[in-house]
Amino acid sequence: MKKDIHPDYHPVVFKDTSTGDSFLIQSTATSKATVEWEDGNTYPLVSVEISSKSHPYYTGKMKFVDSAGRVEKFQKKYNWDKRNAEAEDAKKEDA
């Protein structure tokens, strides 16, 4: 590798602000804030809002969209349920 063209790659502590979990990994991220880690050494601290500890995909707590509510809202908005009821009544009278 060429010298002096690559960023500094060093241990950094990332802290998930929503859950309070922290983890130590290698990164090129820098920060003026520091924290003393479990091993007694001081590392730069980078705060993140979402990590694998709090992201809904990884935690299994995904929110599902209520598609039935959307359909009912559409039917109510355009009187779709009344149209279907009138069509069914017409079919019953013809039979």
N, C-alpha and C. Protein backbone atom coordinates (compact mmCIF):
# COMPACT_ATOMS: atom_id res chain seq x y z
N MET A 1 0.84 -1.19 0.00
CA MET A 1 0.00 0.00 0.00
C MET A 1 0.88 1.25 0.00
N LYS A 2 0.38 2.29 -0.64
CA LYS A 2 1.11 3.55 -0.64
C LYS A 2 0.98 4.21 0.72
N LYS A 3 2.02 4.87 1.14
CA LYS A 3 2.00 5.55 2.43
C LYS A 3 1.33 6.91 2.31
N ASP A 4 0.72 7.34 3.41
CA ASP A 4 0.14 8.68 3.56
C ASP A 4 -1.05 8.98 2.65
N ILE A 5 -1.72 7.97 2.10
CA ILE A 5 -2.93 8.26 1.31
C ILE A 5 -4.18 7.65 1.94
N HIS A 6 -4.01 6.79 2.92
CA HIS A 6 -5.14 6.13 3.54
C HIS A 6 -5.50 6.81 4.87
N PRO A 7 -6.79 6.86 5.21
CA PRO A 7 -7.19 7.46 6.48
C PRO A 7 -6.75 6.58 7.65
N ASP A 8 -6.64 7.20 8.81
CA ASP A 8 -6.25 6.50 10.02
C ASP A 8 -7.35 5.53 10.44
N TYR A 9 -7.01 4.27 10.59
CA TYR A 9 -7.95 3.21 10.96
C TYR A 9 -7.64 2.79 12.39
N HIS A 10 -8.55 3.06 13.30
CA HIS A 10 -8.28 2.86 14.71
C HIS A 10 -9.54 2.39 15.45
N PRO A 11 -9.40 1.90 16.69
CA PRO A 11 -10.57 1.49 17.48
C PRO A 11 -11.42 2.70 17.87
N VAL A 12 -12.74 2.55 17.73
CA VAL A 12 -13.69 3.61 18.07
C VAL A 12 -14.87 2.97 18.79
N VAL A 13 -15.41 3.65 19.80
CA VAL A 13 -16.60 3.18 20.49
C VAL A 13 -17.80 3.89 19.88
N PHE A 14 -18.78 3.10 19.43
CA PHE A 14 -20.04 3.65 18.93
C PHE A 14 -21.10 3.41 19.99
N LYS A 15 -21.89 4.46 20.31
CA LYS A 15 -22.94 4.35 21.32
C LYS A 15 -24.28 4.64 20.67
N ASP A 16 -25.20 3.70 20.82
CA ASP A 16 -26.56 3.86 20.32
C ASP A 16 -27.32 4.70 21.34
N THR A 17 -27.72 5.91 20.95
CA THR A 17 -28.36 6.82 21.90
C THR A 17 -29.77 6.39 22.27
N SER A 18 -30.43 5.58 21.44
CA SER A 18 -31.79 5.18 21.76
C SER A 18 -31.85 4.02 22.75
N THR A 19 -30.84 3.14 22.75
CA THR A 19 -30.85 2.01 23.68
C THR A 19 -29.77 2.10 24.75
N GLY A 20 -28.74 2.90 24.51
CA GLY A 20 -27.64 3.03 25.46
C GLY A 20 -26.56 1.99 25.28
N ASP A 21 -26.71 1.08 24.32
CA ASP A 21 -25.70 0.06 24.07
C ASP A 21 -24.48 0.66 23.38
N SER A 22 -23.30 0.14 23.70
CA SER A 22 -22.05 0.59 23.10
C SER A 22 -21.29 -0.60 22.57
N PHE A 23 -20.51 -0.37 21.51
CA PHE A 23 -19.67 -1.43 20.99
C PHE A 23 -18.38 -0.83 20.43
N LEU A 24 -17.32 -1.58 20.53
CA LEU A 24 -15.99 -1.15 20.11
C LEU A 24 -15.64 -1.86 18.81
N ILE A 25 -15.34 -1.07 17.76
CA ILE A 25 -14.93 -1.62 16.48
C ILE A 25 -13.86 -0.74 15.86
N GLN A 26 -13.23 -1.23 14.84
CA GLN A 26 -12.26 -0.44 14.08
C GLN A 26 -13.00 0.44 13.10
N SER A 27 -12.57 1.69 12.95
CA SER A 27 -13.24 2.62 12.06
C SER A 27 -12.30 3.77 11.72
N THR A 28 -12.67 4.53 10.69
CA THR A 28 -11.94 5.75 10.35
C THR A 28 -12.64 6.97 10.94
N ALA A 29 -13.78 6.77 11.60
CA ALA A 29 -14.53 7.87 12.21
C ALA A 29 -13.71 8.49 13.34
N THR A 30 -13.86 9.81 13.49
CA THR A 30 -13.17 10.51 14.56
C THR A 30 -14.18 11.30 15.38
N SER A 31 -13.79 11.63 16.59
CA SER A 31 -14.66 12.39 17.47
C SER A 31 -13.80 13.05 18.55
N LYS A 32 -14.26 14.21 19.01
CA LYS A 32 -13.56 14.88 20.11
C LYS A 32 -13.96 14.27 21.45
N ALA A 33 -15.15 13.66 21.50
CA ALA A 33 -15.60 13.02 22.73
C ALA A 33 -14.87 11.70 22.91
N THR A 34 -14.55 11.37 24.14
CA THR A 34 -13.87 10.12 24.44
C THR A 34 -14.59 9.40 25.56
N VAL A 35 -14.32 8.11 25.67
CA VAL A 35 -14.93 7.30 26.72
C VAL A 35 -13.93 6.23 27.14
N GLU A 36 -13.96 5.89 28.42
CA GLU A 36 -13.10 4.82 28.91
C GLU A 36 -13.84 3.50 28.72
N TRP A 37 -13.26 2.58 27.99
CA TRP A 37 -13.88 1.31 27.69
C TRP A 37 -13.62 0.30 28.79
N GLU A 38 -14.24 -0.86 28.69
CA GLU A 38 -14.14 -1.90 29.71
C GLU A 38 -12.72 -2.38 29.96
N ASP A 39 -11.86 -2.26 28.94
CA ASP A 39 -10.48 -2.73 29.09
C ASP A 39 -9.57 -1.69 29.75
N GLY A 40 -10.13 -0.52 30.12
CA GLY A 40 -9.37 0.52 30.80
C GLY A 40 -8.75 1.54 29.87
N ASN A 41 -8.82 1.32 28.56
CA ASN A 41 -8.28 2.28 27.59
C ASN A 41 -9.32 3.32 27.22
N THR A 42 -8.85 4.48 26.76
CA THR A 42 -9.74 5.55 26.34
C THR A 42 -9.80 5.57 24.82
N TYR A 43 -11.03 5.60 24.29
CA TYR A 43 -11.25 5.58 22.84
C TYR A 43 -12.16 6.74 22.44
N PRO A 44 -12.11 7.17 21.18
CA PRO A 44 -13.06 8.18 20.69
C PRO A 44 -14.48 7.62 20.76
N LEU A 45 -15.44 8.47 21.08
CA LEU A 45 -16.84 8.06 21.20
C LEU A 45 -17.65 8.71 20.09
N VAL A 46 -18.34 7.89 19.29
CA VAL A 46 -19.23 8.38 18.24
C VAL A 46 -20.64 7.95 18.61
N SER A 47 -21.55 8.92 18.74
CA SER A 47 -22.95 8.62 19.08
C SER A 47 -23.75 8.45 17.80
N VAL A 48 -24.56 7.39 17.75
CA VAL A 48 -25.43 7.12 16.61
C VAL A 48 -26.85 6.96 17.11
N GLU A 49 -27.83 7.32 16.28
CA GLU A 49 -29.22 7.21 16.68
C GLU A 49 -29.76 5.79 16.51
N ILE A 50 -29.29 5.09 15.47
CA ILE A 50 -29.80 3.76 15.18
C ILE A 50 -28.62 2.83 14.94
N SER A 51 -28.67 1.66 15.57
CA SER A 51 -27.68 0.62 15.32
C SER A 51 -28.42 -0.71 15.21
N SER A 52 -27.69 -1.79 15.10
CA SER A 52 -28.34 -3.09 15.00
C SER A 52 -29.09 -3.45 16.28
N LYS A 53 -28.76 -2.81 17.39
CA LYS A 53 -29.45 -3.06 18.66
C LYS A 53 -30.82 -2.39 18.73
N SER A 54 -31.05 -1.36 17.88
CA SER A 54 -32.32 -0.64 17.96
C SER A 54 -33.09 -0.61 16.64
N HIS A 55 -32.49 -1.04 15.53
CA HIS A 55 -33.18 -0.99 14.24
C HIS A 55 -34.28 -2.05 14.20
N PRO A 56 -35.48 -1.66 13.76
CA PRO A 56 -36.60 -2.61 13.76
C PRO A 56 -36.35 -3.88 12.95
N TYR A 57 -35.59 -3.80 11.89
CA TYR A 57 -35.32 -4.98 11.08
C TYR A 57 -34.53 -6.02 11.87
N TYR A 58 -33.55 -5.58 12.62
CA TYR A 58 -32.70 -6.51 13.36
C TYR A 58 -33.31 -6.95 14.68
N THR A 59 -34.18 -6.14 15.27
CA THR A 59 -34.77 -6.49 16.55
C THR A 59 -36.04 -7.33 16.37
N GLY A 60 -36.59 -7.36 15.17
CA GLY A 60 -37.81 -8.13 14.92
C GLY A 60 -39.06 -7.41 15.35
N LYS A 61 -38.97 -6.14 15.63
CA LYS A 61 -40.12 -5.36 16.06
C LYS A 61 -40.57 -4.42 14.97
N MET A 62 -40.71 -4.96 13.76
CA MET A 62 -41.12 -4.13 12.63
C MET A 62 -42.59 -3.78 12.75
N LYS A 63 -42.94 -2.59 12.32
CA LYS A 63 -44.33 -2.16 12.33
C LYS A 63 -44.93 -2.52 10.98
N PHE A 64 -46.05 -3.20 11.01
CA PHE A 64 -46.72 -3.57 9.77
C PHE A 64 -47.81 -2.56 9.48
N VAL A 65 -47.93 -2.18 8.21
CA VAL A 65 -48.93 -1.21 7.80
C VAL A 65 -50.28 -1.92 7.72
N ASP A 66 -51.29 -1.30 8.23
CA ASP A 66 -52.63 -1.87 8.22
C ASP A 66 -53.24 -1.66 6.85
N SER A 67 -53.10 -2.65 5.96
CA SER A 67 -53.61 -2.50 4.60
C SER A 67 -55.13 -2.56 4.59
N ALA A 68 -55.74 -3.28 5.51
CA ALA A 68 -57.20 -3.33 5.57
C ALA A 68 -57.76 -1.94 5.88
N GLY A 69 -57.09 -1.22 6.74
CA GLY A 69 -57.52 0.14 7.05
C GLY A 69 -57.46 1.05 5.85
N ARG A 70 -56.47 0.85 4.99
CA ARG A 70 -56.37 1.65 3.77
C ARG A 70 -57.52 1.36 2.83
N VAL A 71 -57.86 0.08 2.69
CA VAL A 71 -58.95 -0.32 1.80
C VAL A 71 -60.27 0.25 2.30
N GLU A 72 -60.50 0.12 3.59
CA GLU A 72 -61.74 0.65 4.16
C GLU A 72 -61.83 2.16 4.00
N LYS A 73 -60.70 2.83 4.14
CA LYS A 73 -60.68 4.29 3.98
C LYS A 73 -61.01 4.66 2.53
N PHE A 74 -60.47 3.91 1.58
CA PHE A 74 -60.76 4.16 0.17
C PHE A 74 -62.24 3.92 -0.12
N GLN A 75 -62.77 2.82 0.39
CA GLN A 75 -64.18 2.49 0.15
C GLN A 75 -65.09 3.57 0.74
N LYS A 76 -64.75 4.04 1.90
CA LYS A 76 -65.56 5.07 2.54
C LYS A 76 -65.48 6.38 1.77
N LYS A 77 -64.29 6.72 1.29
CA LYS A 77 -64.08 7.98 0.59
C LYS A 77 -64.87 8.03 -0.71
N TYR A 78 -64.91 6.92 -1.43
CA TYR A 78 -65.56 6.91 -2.74
C TYR A 78 -66.88 6.14 -2.74
N ASN A 79 -67.44 5.90 -1.57
CA ASN A 79 -68.70 5.18 -1.43
C ASN A 79 -68.67 3.85 -2.18
N TRP A 80 -67.54 3.21 -2.17
CA TRP A 80 -67.36 1.98 -2.92
C TRP A 80 -68.22 0.85 -2.36
N ASP A 81 -68.39 0.81 -1.07
CA ASP A 81 -69.18 -0.25 -0.46
C ASP A 81 -70.65 -0.14 -0.86
N LYS A 82 -71.15 1.09 -1.02
CA LYS A 82 -72.55 1.28 -1.44
C LYS A 82 -72.72 0.86 -2.89
N ARG A 83 -71.73 1.13 -3.73
CA ARG A 83 -71.81 0.72 -5.13
C ARG A 83 -71.87 -0.79 -5.24
N ASN A 84 -71.04 -1.48 -4.49
CA ASN A 84 -71.03 -2.94 -4.52
C ASN A 84 -72.35 -3.51 -4.00
N ALA A 85 -72.91 -2.90 -2.97
CA ALA A 85 -74.19 -3.36 -2.42
C ALA A 85 -75.31 -3.18 -3.44
N GLU A 86 -75.32 -2.07 -4.16
CA GLU A 86 -76.34 -1.81 -5.18
C GLU A 86 -76.22 -2.80 -6.33
N ALA A 87 -74.99 -3.12 -6.72
CA ALA A 87 -74.76 -4.07 -7.81
C ALA A 87 -75.22 -5.47 -7.41
N GLU A 88 -74.98 -5.86 -6.18
CA GLU A 88 -75.41 -7.17 -5.70
C GLU A 88 -76.94 -7.25 -5.61
N ASP A 89 -77.59 -6.16 -5.18
CA ASP A 89 -79.04 -6.13 -5.12
C ASP A 89 -79.64 -6.26 -6.51
N ALA A 90 -79.04 -5.61 -7.48
CA ALA A 90 -79.52 -5.68 -8.86
C ALA A 90 -79.40 -7.09 -9.41
N LYS A 91 -78.32 -7.77 -9.10
CA LYS A 91 -78.12 -9.15 -9.55
C LYS A 91 -79.16 -10.08 -8.93
N LYS A 92 -79.48 -9.87 -7.64
CA LYS A 92 -80.45 -10.70 -6.95
C LYS A 92 -81.85 -10.52 -7.54
N GLU A 93 -82.19 -9.29 -7.93
CA GLU A 93 -83.51 -9.01 -8.52
C GLU A 93 -83.65 -9.65 -9.90
N ASP A 94 -82.54 -9.67 -10.67
CA ASP A 94 -82.57 -10.25 -12.01
C ASP A 94 -82.69 -11.77 -11.95
N ALA A 95 -82.21 -12.38 -10.91
CA ALA A 95 -82.18 -13.85 -10.83
C ALA A 95 -83.48 -14.43 -10.42
